């Protein structure tokens, strides 16, 4: 199945052309009501481990190493299963990965989008 992947902040207003909306954070974002998020799924298992997330601390200088470590986490049985669940959740031609991070370009959602785009 081929679909396009978008990355957005969960705090942004949902768009009519978002397609399937999936939150890819391990913990629920503060200040966001579940009813306002307009999610199709919340895939916590595809998010980085708590240890990796804390190590990274959303420091853009660590992004390349974060990406490598995150890829390693996803290259496990549990990681592959979570990725497959994410792929299987897509209905249609567009997947929008949501995260609460302020720097969406240096987030796990950006890493996932690059992995999934065109898969």
PDB file of N, CA and C in Angstrom:
ATOM      1  N   UNK A   1       0.844  -1.189   0.000  1.00  0.00           N
ATOM      2  CA  UNK A   1       0.000   0.000   0.000  1.00  0.00           C
ATOM      3  C   UNK A   1       0.882   1.243   0.000  1.00  0.00           C
ATOM      4  N   UNK A   2       0.622   2.149  -0.921  1.00  0.00           N
ATOM      5  CA  UNK A   2       1.371   3.390  -0.999  1.00  0.00           C
ATOM      6  C   UNK A   2       0.502   4.523  -0.474  1.00  0.00           C
ATOM      7  N   UNK A   3       1.082   5.311   0.418  1.00  0.00           N
ATOM      8  CA  UNK A   3       0.376   6.455   0.972  1.00  0.00           C
ATOM      9  C   UNK A   3       1.384   7.550   1.274  1.00  0.00           C
ATOM     10  N   UNK A   4       0.910   8.765   1.348  1.00  0.00           N
ATOM     11  CA  UNK A   4       1.793   9.871   1.708  1.00  0.00           C
ATOM     12  C   UNK A   4       1.720  10.069   3.216  1.00  0.00           C
ATOM     13  N   UNK A   5       2.822  10.540   3.771  1.00  0.00           N
ATOM     14  CA  UNK A   5       2.923  10.715   5.214  1.00  0.00           C
ATOM     15  C   UNK A   5       3.169  12.181   5.535  1.00  0.00           C
ATOM     16  N   UNK A   6       2.347  12.707   6.402  1.00  0.00           N
ATOM     17  CA  UNK A   6       2.496  14.077   6.883  1.00  0.00           C
ATOM     18  C   UNK A   6       2.825  14.032   8.364  1.00  0.00           C
ATOM     19  N   UNK A   7       3.438  15.093   8.856  1.00  0.00           N
ATOM     20  CA  UNK A   7       3.764  15.221  10.273  1.00  0.00           C
ATOM     21  C   UNK A   7       3.204  16.551  10.759  1.00  0.00           C
ATOM     22  N   UNK A   8       2.464  16.486  11.870  1.00  0.00           N
ATOM     23  CA  UNK A   8       1.867  17.700  12.439  1.00  0.00           C
ATOM     24  C   UNK A   8       1.900  17.621  13.953  1.00  0.00           C
ATOM     25  N   UNK A   9       1.730  18.773  14.563  1.00  0.00           N
ATOM     26  CA  UNK A   9       1.591  18.818  16.025  1.00  0.00           C
ATOM     27  C   UNK A   9       0.147  18.478  16.382  1.00  0.00           C
ATOM     28  N   UNK A  10      -0.033  17.696  17.427  1.00  0.00           N
ATOM     29  CA  UNK A  10      -1.371  17.288  17.850  1.00  0.00           C
ATOM     30  C   UNK A  10      -2.196  18.490  18.305  1.00  0.00           C
ATOM     31  N   UNK A  11      -1.525  19.560  18.711  1.00  0.00           N
ATOM     32  CA  UNK A  11      -2.217  20.764  19.164  1.00  0.00           C
ATOM     33  C   UNK A  11      -2.821  21.568  18.012  1.00  0.00           C
ATOM     34  N   UNK A  12      -2.395  21.297  16.781  1.00  0.00           N
ATOM     35  CA  UNK A  12      -2.936  21.997  15.621  1.00  0.00           C
ATOM     36  C   UNK A  12      -4.362  21.539  15.340  1.00  0.00           C
ATOM     37  N   UNK A  13      -5.134  22.426  14.790  1.00  0.00           N
ATOM     38  CA  UNK A  13      -6.507  22.104  14.392  1.00  0.00           C
ATOM     39  C   UNK A  13      -6.493  21.008  13.327  1.00  0.00           C
ATOM     40  N   UNK A  14      -7.302  19.975  13.486  1.00  0.00           N
ATOM     41  CA  UNK A  14      -7.356  18.934  12.447  1.00  0.00           C
ATOM     42  C   UNK A  14      -7.777  19.527  11.099  1.00  0.00           C
ATOM     43  N   UNK A  15      -7.228  18.958  10.049  1.00  0.00           N
ATOM     44  CA  UNK A  15      -7.544  19.395   8.696  1.00  0.00           C
ATOM     45  C   UNK A  15      -8.384  18.319   8.017  1.00  0.00           C
ATOM     46  N   UNK A  16      -9.261  18.727   7.123  1.00  0.00           N
ATOM     47  CA  UNK A  16     -10.120  17.768   6.424  1.00  0.00           C
ATOM     48  C   UNK A  16      -9.333  16.819   5.533  1.00  0.00           C
ATOM     49  N   UNK A  17      -8.084  17.182   5.179  1.00  0.00           N
ATOM     50  CA  UNK A  17      -7.285  16.316   4.304  1.00  0.00           C
ATOM     51  C   UNK A  17      -6.138  15.628   5.043  1.00  0.00           C
ATOM     52  N   UNK A  18      -6.262  15.468   6.367  1.00  0.00           N
ATOM     53  CA  UNK A  18      -5.233  14.787   7.150  1.00  0.00           C
ATOM     54  C   UNK A  18      -5.186  13.287   6.873  1.00  0.00           C
ATOM     55  N   UNK A  19      -6.266  12.726   6.417  1.00  0.00           N
ATOM     56  CA  UNK A  19      -6.322  11.279   6.258  1.00  0.00           C
ATOM     57  C   UNK A  19      -6.395  10.619   7.620  1.00  0.00           C
ATOM     58  N   UNK A  20      -5.699   9.527   7.781  1.00  0.00           N
ATOM     59  CA  UNK A  20      -5.664   8.803   9.051  1.00  0.00           C
ATOM     60  C   UNK A  20      -4.734   9.539  10.008  1.00  0.00           C
ATOM     61  N   UNK A  21      -5.262   9.901  11.163  1.00  0.00           N
ATOM     62  CA  UNK A  21      -4.498  10.671  12.167  1.00  0.00           C
ATOM     63  C   UNK A  21      -4.088   9.752  13.313  1.00  0.00           C
ATOM     64  N   UNK A  22      -2.752   9.635  13.513  1.00  0.00           N
ATOM     65  CA  UNK A  22      -2.233   8.744  14.548  1.00  0.00           C
ATOM     66  C   UNK A  22      -1.245   9.491  15.437  1.00  0.00           C
ATOM     67  N   UNK A  23      -1.512   9.481  16.729  1.00  0.00           N
ATOM     68  CA  UNK A  23      -0.584  10.044  17.704  1.00  0.00           C
ATOM     69  C   UNK A  23       0.529   9.029  17.926  1.00  0.00           C
ATOM     70  N   UNK A  24       1.794   9.466  17.815  1.00  0.00           N
ATOM     71  CA  UNK A  24       2.931   8.554  17.949  1.00  0.00           C
ATOM     72  C   UNK A  24       3.811   8.926  19.140  1.00  0.00           C
ATOM     73  N   UNK A  25       3.218   9.511  20.171  1.00  0.00           N
ATOM     74  CA  UNK A  25       3.905   9.806  21.427  1.00  0.00           C
ATOM     75  C   UNK A  25       3.596   8.702  22.434  1.00  0.00           C
ATOM     76  N   UNK A  26       4.537   8.426  23.320  1.00  0.00           N
ATOM     77  CA  UNK A  26       4.340   7.381  24.324  1.00  0.00           C
ATOM     78  C   UNK A  26       3.388   7.847  25.423  1.00  0.00           C
ATOM     79  N   UNK A  27       3.435   9.132  25.751  1.00  0.00           N
ATOM     80  CA  UNK A  27       2.564   9.659  26.803  1.00  0.00           C
ATOM     81  C   UNK A  27       1.586  10.668  26.202  1.00  0.00           C
ATOM     82  N   UNK A  28       0.410  10.761  26.809  1.00  0.00           N
ATOM     83  CA  UNK A  28      -0.607  11.681  26.305  1.00  0.00           C
ATOM     84  C   UNK A  28      -0.140  13.120  26.497  1.00  0.00           C
ATOM     85  N   UNK A  29      -0.305  13.975  25.497  1.00  0.00           N
ATOM     86  CA  UNK A  29       0.158  15.368  25.585  1.00  0.00           C
ATOM     87  C   UNK A  29      -0.658  16.186  26.583  1.00  0.00           C
ATOM     88  N   UNK A  30       0.060  16.928  27.401  1.00  0.00           N
ATOM     89  CA  UNK A  30      -0.588  17.792  28.384  1.00  0.00           C
ATOM     90  C   UNK A  30      -1.423  18.864  27.696  1.00  0.00           C
ATOM     91  N   UNK A  31      -2.565  19.144  28.281  1.00  0.00           N
ATOM     92  CA  UNK A  31      -3.406  20.230  27.788  1.00  0.00           C
ATOM     93  C   UNK A  31      -4.226  19.897  26.558  1.00  0.00           C
ATOM     94  N   UNK A  32      -4.192  18.663  26.115  1.00  0.00           N
ATOM     95  CA  UNK A  32      -4.953  18.261  24.928  1.00  0.00           C
ATOM     96  C   UNK A  32      -6.054  17.307  25.367  1.00  0.00           C
ATOM     97  N   UNK A  33      -7.288  17.683  25.106  1.00  0.00           N
ATOM     98  CA  UNK A  33      -8.413  16.797  25.400  1.00  0.00           C
ATOM     99  C   UNK A  33      -8.475  15.718  24.332  1.00  0.00           C
ATOM    100  N   UNK A  34      -8.755  14.509  24.755  1.00  0.00           N
ATOM    101  CA  UNK A  34      -8.835  13.408  23.792  1.00  0.00           C
ATOM    102  C   UNK A  34      -9.884  13.680  22.723  1.00  0.00           C
ATOM    103  N   UNK A  35     -10.969  14.317  23.112  1.00  0.00           N
ATOM    104  CA  UNK A  35     -12.028  14.616  22.144  1.00  0.00           C
ATOM    105  C   UNK A  35     -11.588  15.665  21.120  1.00  0.00           C
ATOM    106  N   UNK A  36     -10.672  16.562  21.499  1.00  0.00           N
ATOM    107  CA  UNK A  36     -10.203  17.605  20.587  1.00  0.00           C
ATOM    108  C   UNK A  36      -9.124  17.111  19.623  1.00  0.00           C
ATOM    109  N   UNK A  37      -8.466  16.019  19.950  1.00  0.00           N
ATOM    110  CA  UNK A  37      -7.343  15.540  19.131  1.00  0.00           C
ATOM    111  C   UNK A  37      -7.803  14.915  17.812  1.00  0.00           C
ATOM    112  N   UNK A  38      -9.032  14.476  17.747  1.00  0.00           N
ATOM    113  CA  UNK A  38      -9.590  13.873  16.525  1.00  0.00           C
ATOM    114  C   UNK A  38      -8.676  12.784  15.975  1.00  0.00           C
ATOM    115  N   UNK A  39      -8.338  11.823  16.836  1.00  0.00           N
ATOM    116  CA  UNK A  39      -7.428  10.739  16.457  1.00  0.00           C
ATOM    117  C   UNK A  39      -8.173   9.551  15.870  1.00  0.00           C
ATOM    118  N   UNK A  40      -7.494   8.870  14.971  1.00  0.00           N
ATOM    119  CA  UNK A  40      -7.954   7.563  14.522  1.00  0.00           C
ATOM    120  C   UNK A  40      -7.281   6.465  15.335  1.00  0.00           C
ATOM    121  N   UNK A  41      -6.086   6.774  15.865  1.00  0.00           N
ATOM    122  CA  UNK A  41      -5.350   5.789  16.657  1.00  0.00           C
ATOM    123  C   UNK A  41      -4.305   6.510  17.499  1.00  0.00           C
ATOM    124  N   UNK A  42      -3.918   5.852  18.580  1.00  0.00           N
ATOM    125  CA  UNK A  42      -2.802   6.303  19.404  1.00  0.00           C
ATOM    126  C   UNK A  42      -1.873   5.106  19.505  1.00  0.00           C
ATOM    127  N   UNK A  43      -0.773   5.159  18.779  1.00  0.00           N
ATOM    128  CA  UNK A  43       0.159   4.039  18.717  1.00  0.00           C
ATOM    129  C   UNK A  43       1.360   4.351  19.605  1.00  0.00           C
ATOM    130  N   UNK A  44       1.230   4.078  20.895  1.00  0.00           N
ATOM    131  CA  UNK A  44       2.311   4.324  21.862  1.00  0.00           C
ATOM    132  C   UNK A  44       3.507   3.423  21.611  1.00  0.00           C
ATOM    133  N   UNK A  45       3.228   2.221  21.116  1.00  0.00           N
ATOM    134  CA  UNK A  45       4.289   1.232  20.968  1.00  0.00           C
ATOM    135  C   UNK A  45       5.309   1.589  19.892  1.00  0.00           C
ATOM    136  N   UNK A  46       4.939   2.465  18.974  1.00  0.00           N
ATOM    137  CA  UNK A  46       5.872   2.868  17.926  1.00  0.00           C
ATOM    138  C   UNK A  46       6.736   4.057  18.385  1.00  0.00           C
ATOM    139  N   UNK A  47       6.416   4.631  19.519  1.00  0.00           N
ATOM    140  CA  UNK A  47       7.173   5.764  20.062  1.00  0.00           C
ATOM    141  C   UNK A  47       8.509   5.286  20.635  1.00  0.00           C
ATOM    142  N   UNK A  48       9.482   6.181  20.735  1.00  0.00           N
ATOM    143  CA  UNK A  48      10.762   5.811  21.347  1.00  0.00           C
ATOM    144  C   UNK A  48      10.559   5.377  22.800  1.00  0.00           C
ATOM    145  N   UNK A  49      11.463   4.550  23.278  1.00  0.00           N
ATOM    146  CA  UNK A  49      11.411   4.133  24.677  1.00  0.00           C
ATOM    147  C   UNK A  49      11.552   5.358  25.585  1.00  0.00           C
ATOM    148  N   UNK A  50      11.102   5.208  26.797  1.00  0.00           N
ATOM    149  CA  UNK A  50      11.232   6.296  27.776  1.00  0.00           C
ATOM    150  C   UNK A  50      12.696   6.664  27.959  1.00  0.00           C
ATOM    151  N   UNK A  51      13.559   5.667  28.011  1.00  0.00           N
ATOM    152  CA  UNK A  51      14.993   5.924  28.195  1.00  0.00           C
ATOM    153  C   UNK A  51      15.561   6.747  27.041  1.00  0.00           C
ATOM    154  N   UNK A  52      15.207   6.366  25.803  1.00  0.00           N
ATOM    155  CA  UNK A  52      15.706   7.097  24.638  1.00  0.00           C
ATOM    156  C   UNK A  52      15.136   8.508  24.602  1.00  0.00           C
ATOM    157  N   UNK A  53      13.859   8.629  24.893  1.00  0.00           N
ATOM    158  CA  UNK A  53      13.215   9.948  24.897  1.00  0.00           C
ATOM    159  C   UNK A  53      13.884  10.880  25.913  1.00  0.00           C
ATOM    160  N   UNK A  54      14.153  10.366  27.111  1.00  0.00           N
ATOM    161  CA  UNK A  54      14.796  11.194  28.144  1.00  0.00           C
ATOM    162  C   UNK A  54      16.224  11.541  27.762  1.00  0.00           C
ATOM    163  N   UNK A  55      16.959  10.577  27.185  1.00  0.00           N
ATOM    164  CA  UNK A  55      18.325  10.856  26.756  1.00  0.00           C
ATOM    165  C   UNK A  55      18.344  11.962  25.703  1.00  0.00           C
ATOM    166  N   UNK A  56      17.446  11.854  24.740  1.00  0.00           N
ATOM    167  CA  UNK A  56      17.395  12.812  23.629  1.00  0.00           C
ATOM    168  C   UNK A  56      17.019  14.203  24.121  1.00  0.00           C
ATOM    169  N   UNK A  57      15.986  14.316  24.923  1.00  0.00           N
ATOM    170  CA  UNK A  57      15.576  15.615  25.461  1.00  0.00           C
ATOM    171  C   UNK A  57      15.234  16.643  24.398  1.00  0.00           C
ATOM    172  N   UNK A  58      14.922  16.198  23.195  1.00  0.00           N
ATOM    173  CA  UNK A  58      14.579  17.086  22.069  1.00  0.00           C
ATOM    174  C   UNK A  58      15.681  18.095  21.770  1.00  0.00           C
ATOM    175  N   UNK A  59      16.927  17.652  21.942  1.00  0.00           N
ATOM    176  CA  UNK A  59      18.095  18.472  21.628  1.00  0.00           C
ATOM    177  C   UNK A  59      18.460  18.244  20.159  1.00  0.00           C
ATOM    178  N   UNK A  60      18.240  19.242  19.287  1.00  0.00           N
ATOM    179  CA  UNK A  60      18.504  19.059  17.854  1.00  0.00           C
ATOM    180  C   UNK A  60      19.928  18.588  17.544  1.00  0.00           C
ATOM    181  N   UNK A  61      20.895  18.915  18.405  1.00  0.00           N
ATOM    182  CA  UNK A  61      22.270  18.470  18.172  1.00  0.00           C
ATOM    183  C   UNK A  61      22.413  16.959  18.328  1.00  0.00           C
ATOM    184  N   UNK A  62      21.483  16.326  19.036  1.00  0.00           N
ATOM    185  CA  UNK A  62      21.516  14.879  19.237  1.00  0.00           C
ATOM    186  C   UNK A  62      20.615  14.148  18.236  1.00  0.00           C
ATOM    187  N   UNK A  63      19.994  14.872  17.304  1.00  0.00           N
ATOM    188  CA  UNK A  63      18.982  14.262  16.443  1.00  0.00           C
ATOM    189  C   UNK A  63      19.515  13.111  15.597  1.00  0.00           C
ATOM    190  N   UNK A  64      20.687  13.260  15.012  1.00  0.00           N
ATOM    191  CA  UNK A  64      21.227  12.187  14.176  1.00  0.00           C
ATOM    192  C   UNK A  64      21.438  10.912  14.988  1.00  0.00           C
ATOM    193  N   UNK A  65      22.011  11.056  16.181  1.00  0.00           N
ATOM    194  CA  UNK A  65      22.226   9.881  17.036  1.00  0.00           C
ATOM    195  C   UNK A  65      20.890   9.343  17.543  1.00  0.00           C
ATOM    196  N   UNK A  66      19.957  10.231  17.856  1.00  0.00           N
ATOM    197  CA  UNK A  66      18.615   9.804  18.261  1.00  0.00           C
ATOM    198  C   UNK A  66      17.981   8.961  17.156  1.00  0.00           C
ATOM    199  N   UNK A  67      18.084   9.435  15.919  1.00  0.00           N
ATOM    200  CA  UNK A  67      17.502   8.716  14.781  1.00  0.00           C
ATOM    201  C   UNK A  67      18.090   7.314  14.661  1.00  0.00           C
ATOM    202  N   UNK A  68      19.412   7.188  14.813  1.00  0.00           N
ATOM    203  CA  UNK A  68      20.056   5.874  14.736  1.00  0.00           C
ATOM    204  C   UNK A  68      19.550   4.957  15.848  1.00  0.00           C
ATOM    205  N   UNK A  69      19.509   5.486  17.070  1.00  0.00           N
ATOM    206  CA  UNK A  69      19.061   4.671  18.204  1.00  0.00           C
ATOM    207  C   UNK A  69      17.584   4.298  18.061  1.00  0.00           C
ATOM    208  N   UNK A  70      16.805   5.212  17.557  1.00  0.00           N
ATOM    209  CA  UNK A  70      15.375   4.958  17.361  1.00  0.00           C
ATOM    210  C   UNK A  70      15.166   3.881  16.293  1.00  0.00           C
ATOM    211  N   UNK A  71      15.926   3.971  15.210  1.00  0.00           N
ATOM    212  CA  UNK A  71      15.872   2.933  14.173  1.00  0.00           C
ATOM    213  C   UNK A  71      16.205   1.568  14.777  1.00  0.00           C
ATOM    214  N   UNK A  72      17.189   1.537  15.664  1.00  0.00           N
ATOM    215  CA  UNK A  72      17.553   0.271  16.316  1.00  0.00           C
ATOM    216  C   UNK A  72      16.402  -0.267  17.154  1.00  0.00           C
ATOM    217  N   UNK A  73      15.704   0.618  17.849  1.00  0.00           N
ATOM    218  CA  UNK A  73      14.549   0.185  18.634  1.00  0.00           C
ATOM    219  C   UNK A  73      13.445  -0.362  17.733  1.00  0.00           C
ATOM    220  N   UNK A  74      13.269   0.272  16.600  1.00  0.00           N
ATOM    221  CA  UNK A  74      12.221  -0.174  15.677  1.00  0.00           C
ATOM    222  C   UNK A  74      12.611  -1.443  14.933  1.00  0.00           C
ATOM    223  N   UNK A  75      13.897  -1.774  14.949  1.00  0.00           N
ATOM    224  CA  UNK A  75      14.368  -2.980  14.282  1.00  0.00           C
ATOM    225  C   UNK A  75      14.420  -4.159  15.255  1.00  0.00           C
ATOM    226  N   UNK A  76      13.430  -4.235  16.110  1.00  0.00           N
ATOM    227  CA  UNK A  76      13.248  -5.362  17.022  1.00  0.00           C
ATOM    228  C   UNK A  76      11.893  -5.977  16.684  1.00  0.00           C
ATOM    229  N   UNK A  77      11.613  -7.111  17.255  1.00  0.00           N
ATOM    230  CA  UNK A  77      10.309  -7.743  16.995  1.00  0.00           C
ATOM    231  C   UNK A  77       9.167  -6.816  17.407  1.00  0.00           C
ATOM    232  N   UNK A  78       9.277  -6.227  18.590  1.00  0.00           N
ATOM    233  CA  UNK A  78       8.222  -5.322  19.064  1.00  0.00           C
ATOM    234  C   UNK A  78       8.132  -4.077  18.189  1.00  0.00           C
ATOM    235  N   UNK A  79       9.271  -3.554  17.771  1.00  0.00           N
ATOM    236  CA  UNK A  79       9.285  -2.378  16.913  1.00  0.00           C
ATOM    237  C   UNK A  79       8.662  -2.643  15.557  1.00  0.00           C
ATOM    238  N   UNK A  80       9.017  -3.767  14.971  1.00  0.00           N
ATOM    239  CA  UNK A  80       8.447  -4.133  13.667  1.00  0.00           C
ATOM    240  C   UNK A  80       6.937  -4.347  13.772  1.00  0.00           C
ATOM    241  N   UNK A  81       6.505  -4.939  14.873  1.00  0.00           N
ATOM    242  CA  UNK A  81       5.071  -5.141  15.088  1.00  0.00           C
ATOM    243  C   UNK A  81       4.338  -3.808  15.217  1.00  0.00           C
ATOM    244  N   UNK A  82       4.936  -2.860  15.947  1.00  0.00           N
ATOM    245  CA  UNK A  82       4.326  -1.538  16.103  1.00  0.00           C
ATOM    246  C   UNK A  82       4.270  -0.799  14.769  1.00  0.00           C
ATOM    247  N   UNK A  83       5.337  -0.905  13.973  1.00  0.00           N
ATOM    248  CA  UNK A  83       5.346  -0.284  12.642  1.00  0.00           C
ATOM    249  C   UNK A  83       4.282  -0.895  11.748  1.00  0.00           C
ATOM    250  N   UNK A  84       4.135  -2.208  11.811  1.00  0.00           N
ATOM    251  CA  UNK A  84       3.119  -2.856  10.992  1.00  0.00           C
ATOM    252  C   UNK A  84       1.723  -2.413  11.424  1.00  0.00           C
ATOM    253  N   UNK A  85       1.508  -2.284  12.717  1.00  0.00           N
ATOM    254  CA  UNK A  85       0.212  -1.803  13.214  1.00  0.00           C
ATOM    255  C   UNK A  85      -0.062  -0.398  12.691  1.00  0.00           C
ATOM    256  N   UNK A  86       0.998   0.428  12.648  1.00  0.00           N
ATOM    257  CA  UNK A  86       0.857   1.783  12.120  1.00  0.00           C
ATOM    258  C   UNK A  86       0.479   1.732  10.641  1.00  0.00           C
ATOM    259  N   UNK A  87       1.175   0.919   9.871  1.00  0.00           N
ATOM    260  CA  UNK A  87       0.850   0.780   8.440  1.00  0.00           C
ATOM    261  C   UNK A  87      -0.573   0.276   8.248  1.00  0.00           C
ATOM    262  N   UNK A  88      -0.957  -0.699   9.061  1.00  0.00           N
ATOM    263  CA  UNK A  88      -2.291  -1.292   8.943  1.00  0.00           C
ATOM    264  C   UNK A  88      -3.410  -0.332   9.331  1.00  0.00           C
ATOM    265  N   UNK A  89      -3.088   0.690  10.105  1.00  0.00           N
ATOM    266  CA  UNK A  89      -4.114   1.633  10.557  1.00  0.00           C
ATOM    267  C   UNK A  89      -4.517   2.629   9.473  1.00  0.00           C
ATOM    268  N   UNK A  90      -3.714   2.725   8.420  1.00  0.00           N
ATOM    269  CA  UNK A  90      -3.969   3.713   7.368  1.00  0.00           C
ATOM    270  C   UNK A  90      -5.154   3.281   6.515  1.00  0.00           C
ATOM    271  N   UNK A  91      -6.106   4.187   6.432  1.00  0.00           N
ATOM    272  CA  UNK A  91      -7.258   3.986   5.543  1.00  0.00           C
ATOM    273  C   UNK A  91      -7.202   5.114   4.516  1.00  0.00           C
ATOM    274  N   UNK A  92      -6.934   4.786   3.313  1.00  0.00           N
ATOM    275  CA  UNK A  92      -6.857   5.811   2.277  1.00  0.00           C
ATOM    276  C   UNK A  92      -5.433   6.050   1.833  1.00  0.00           C
ATOM    277  N   UNK A  93      -5.171   7.251   1.379  1.00  0.00           N
ATOM    278  CA  UNK A  93      -3.895   7.582   0.753  1.00  0.00           C
ATOM    279  C   UNK A  93      -3.010   8.486   1.596  1.00  0.00           C
ATOM    280  N   UNK A  94      -3.465   8.889   2.787  1.00  0.00           N
ATOM    281  CA  UNK A  94      -2.671   9.816   3.590  1.00  0.00           C
ATOM    282  C   UNK A  94      -2.656   9.395   5.047  1.00  0.00           C
ATOM    283  N   UNK A  95      -1.473   9.499   5.648  1.00  0.00           N
ATOM    284  CA  UNK A  95      -1.265   9.246   7.070  1.00  0.00           C
ATOM    285  C   UNK A  95      -0.682  10.509   7.677  1.00  0.00           C
ATOM    286  N   UNK A  96      -1.292  10.993   8.727  1.00  0.00           N
ATOM    287  CA  UNK A  96      -0.750  12.138   9.447  1.00  0.00           C
ATOM    288  C   UNK A  96      -0.286  11.661  10.809  1.00  0.00           C
ATOM    289  N   UNK A  97       1.030  11.759  11.029  1.00  0.00           N
ATOM    290  CA  UNK A  97       1.622  11.393  12.302  1.00  0.00           C
ATOM    291  C   UNK A  97       1.594  12.615  13.204  1.00  0.00           C
ATOM    292  N   UNK A  98       1.092  12.440  14.406  1.00  0.00           N
ATOM    293  CA  UNK A  98       0.935  13.547  15.346  1.00  0.00           C
ATOM    294  C   UNK A  98       1.864  13.385  16.535  1.00  0.00           C
ATOM    295  N   UNK A  99       2.404  14.515  16.977  1.00  0.00           N
ATOM    296  CA  UNK A  99       3.255  14.538  18.160  1.00  0.00           C
ATOM    297  C   UNK A  99       3.042  15.863  18.876  1.00  0.00           C
ATOM    298  N   UNK A 100       3.306  15.868  20.163  1.00  0.00           N
ATOM    299  CA  UNK A 100       3.159  17.093  20.954  1.00  0.00           C
ATOM    300  C   UNK A 100       4.434  17.927  20.952  1.00  0.00           C
ATOM    301  N   UNK A 101       5.504  17.419  20.381  1.00  0.00           N
ATOM    302  CA  UNK A 101       6.767  18.138  20.409  1.00  0.00           C
ATOM    303  C   UNK A 101       6.655  19.493  19.718  1.00  0.00           C
ATOM    304  N   UNK A 102       7.411  20.453  20.204  1.00  0.00           N
ATOM    305  CA  UNK A 102       7.395  21.792  19.595  1.00  0.00           C
ATOM    306  C   UNK A 102       8.217  21.825  18.312  1.00  0.00           C
ATOM    307  N   UNK A 103       9.262  21.008  18.236  1.00  0.00           N
ATOM    308  CA  UNK A 103      10.141  20.964  17.063  1.00  0.00           C
ATOM    309  C   UNK A 103       9.842  19.686  16.285  1.00  0.00           C
ATOM    310  N   UNK A 104       8.807  19.750  15.497  1.00  0.00           N
ATOM    311  CA  UNK A 104       8.313  18.563  14.792  1.00  0.00           C
ATOM    312  C   UNK A 104       9.342  18.003  13.808  1.00  0.00           C
ATOM    313  N   UNK A 105      10.225  18.853  13.277  1.00  0.00           N
ATOM    314  CA  UNK A 105      11.236  18.399  12.319  1.00  0.00           C
ATOM    315  C   UNK A 105      12.331  17.558  12.971  1.00  0.00           C
ATOM    316  N   UNK A 106      12.453  17.649  14.293  1.00  0.00           N
ATOM    317  CA  UNK A 106      13.450  16.872  15.038  1.00  0.00           C
ATOM    318  C   UNK A 106      12.746  15.949  16.031  1.00  0.00           C
ATOM    319  N   UNK A 107      11.755  15.252  15.547  1.00  0.00           N
ATOM    320  CA  UNK A 107      10.935  14.404  16.421  1.00  0.00           C
ATOM    321  C   UNK A 107      10.897  12.973  15.903  1.00  0.00           C
ATOM    322  N   UNK A 108      10.370  12.081  16.728  1.00  0.00           N
ATOM    323  CA  UNK A 108      10.184  10.701  16.291  1.00  0.00           C
ATOM    324  C   UNK A 108       9.204  10.633  15.137  1.00  0.00           C
ATOM    325  N   UNK A 109       8.247  11.555  15.095  1.00  0.00           N
ATOM    326  CA  UNK A 109       7.290  11.573  13.985  1.00  0.00           C
ATOM    327  C   UNK A 109       8.007  11.832  12.660  1.00  0.00           C
ATOM    328  N   UNK A 110       8.994  12.711  12.677  1.00  0.00           N
ATOM    329  CA  UNK A 110       9.764  12.996  11.456  1.00  0.00           C
ATOM    330  C   UNK A 110      10.563  11.768  11.027  1.00  0.00           C
ATOM    331  N   UNK A 111      11.140  11.062  11.994  1.00  0.00           N
ATOM    332  CA  UNK A 111      11.895   9.839  11.681  1.00  0.00           C
ATOM    333  C   UNK A 111      10.962   8.792  11.088  1.00  0.00           C
ATOM    334  N   UNK A 112       9.802   8.607  11.723  1.00  0.00           N
ATOM    335  CA  UNK A 112       8.827   7.642  11.223  1.00  0.00           C
ATOM    336  C   UNK A 112       8.341   7.995   9.820  1.00  0.00           C
ATOM    337  N   UNK A 113       8.065   9.273   9.602  1.00  0.00           N
ATOM    338  CA  UNK A 113       7.574   9.704   8.290  1.00  0.00           C
ATOM    339  C   UNK A 113       8.579   9.364   7.204  1.00  0.00           C
ATOM    340  N   UNK A 114       9.837   9.595   7.489  1.00  0.00           N
ATOM    341  CA  UNK A 114      10.881   9.294   6.502  1.00  0.00           C
ATOM    342  C   UNK A 114      10.947   7.788   6.232  1.00  0.00           C
ATOM    343  N   UNK A 115      10.765   6.993   7.277  1.00  0.00           N
ATOM    344  CA  UNK A 115      10.781   5.534   7.123  1.00  0.00           C
ATOM    345  C   UNK A 115       9.577   5.037   6.323  1.00  0.00           C
ATOM    346  N   UNK A 116       8.425   5.622   6.574  1.00  0.00           N
ATOM    347  CA  UNK A 116       7.170   5.122   6.022  1.00  0.00           C
ATOM    348  C   UNK A 116       6.804   5.701   4.667  1.00  0.00           C
ATOM    349  N   UNK A 117       7.331   6.865   4.353  1.00  0.00           N
ATOM    350  CA  UNK A 117       6.911   7.551   3.127  1.00  0.00           C
ATOM    351  C   UNK A 117       7.145   6.663   1.914  1.00  0.00           C
ATOM    352  N   UNK A 118       6.042   6.325   1.273  1.00  0.00           N
ATOM    353  CA  UNK A 118       6.114   5.501   0.085  1.00  0.00           C
ATOM    354  C   UNK A 118       6.182   4.017   0.361  1.00  0.00           C
ATOM    355  N   UNK A 119       6.076   3.608   1.630  1.00  0.00           N
ATOM    356  CA  UNK A 119       6.171   2.164   1.928  1.00  0.00           C
ATOM    357  C   UNK A 119       4.877   1.456   1.621  1.00  0.00           C
TER     358      UNK A 119
END
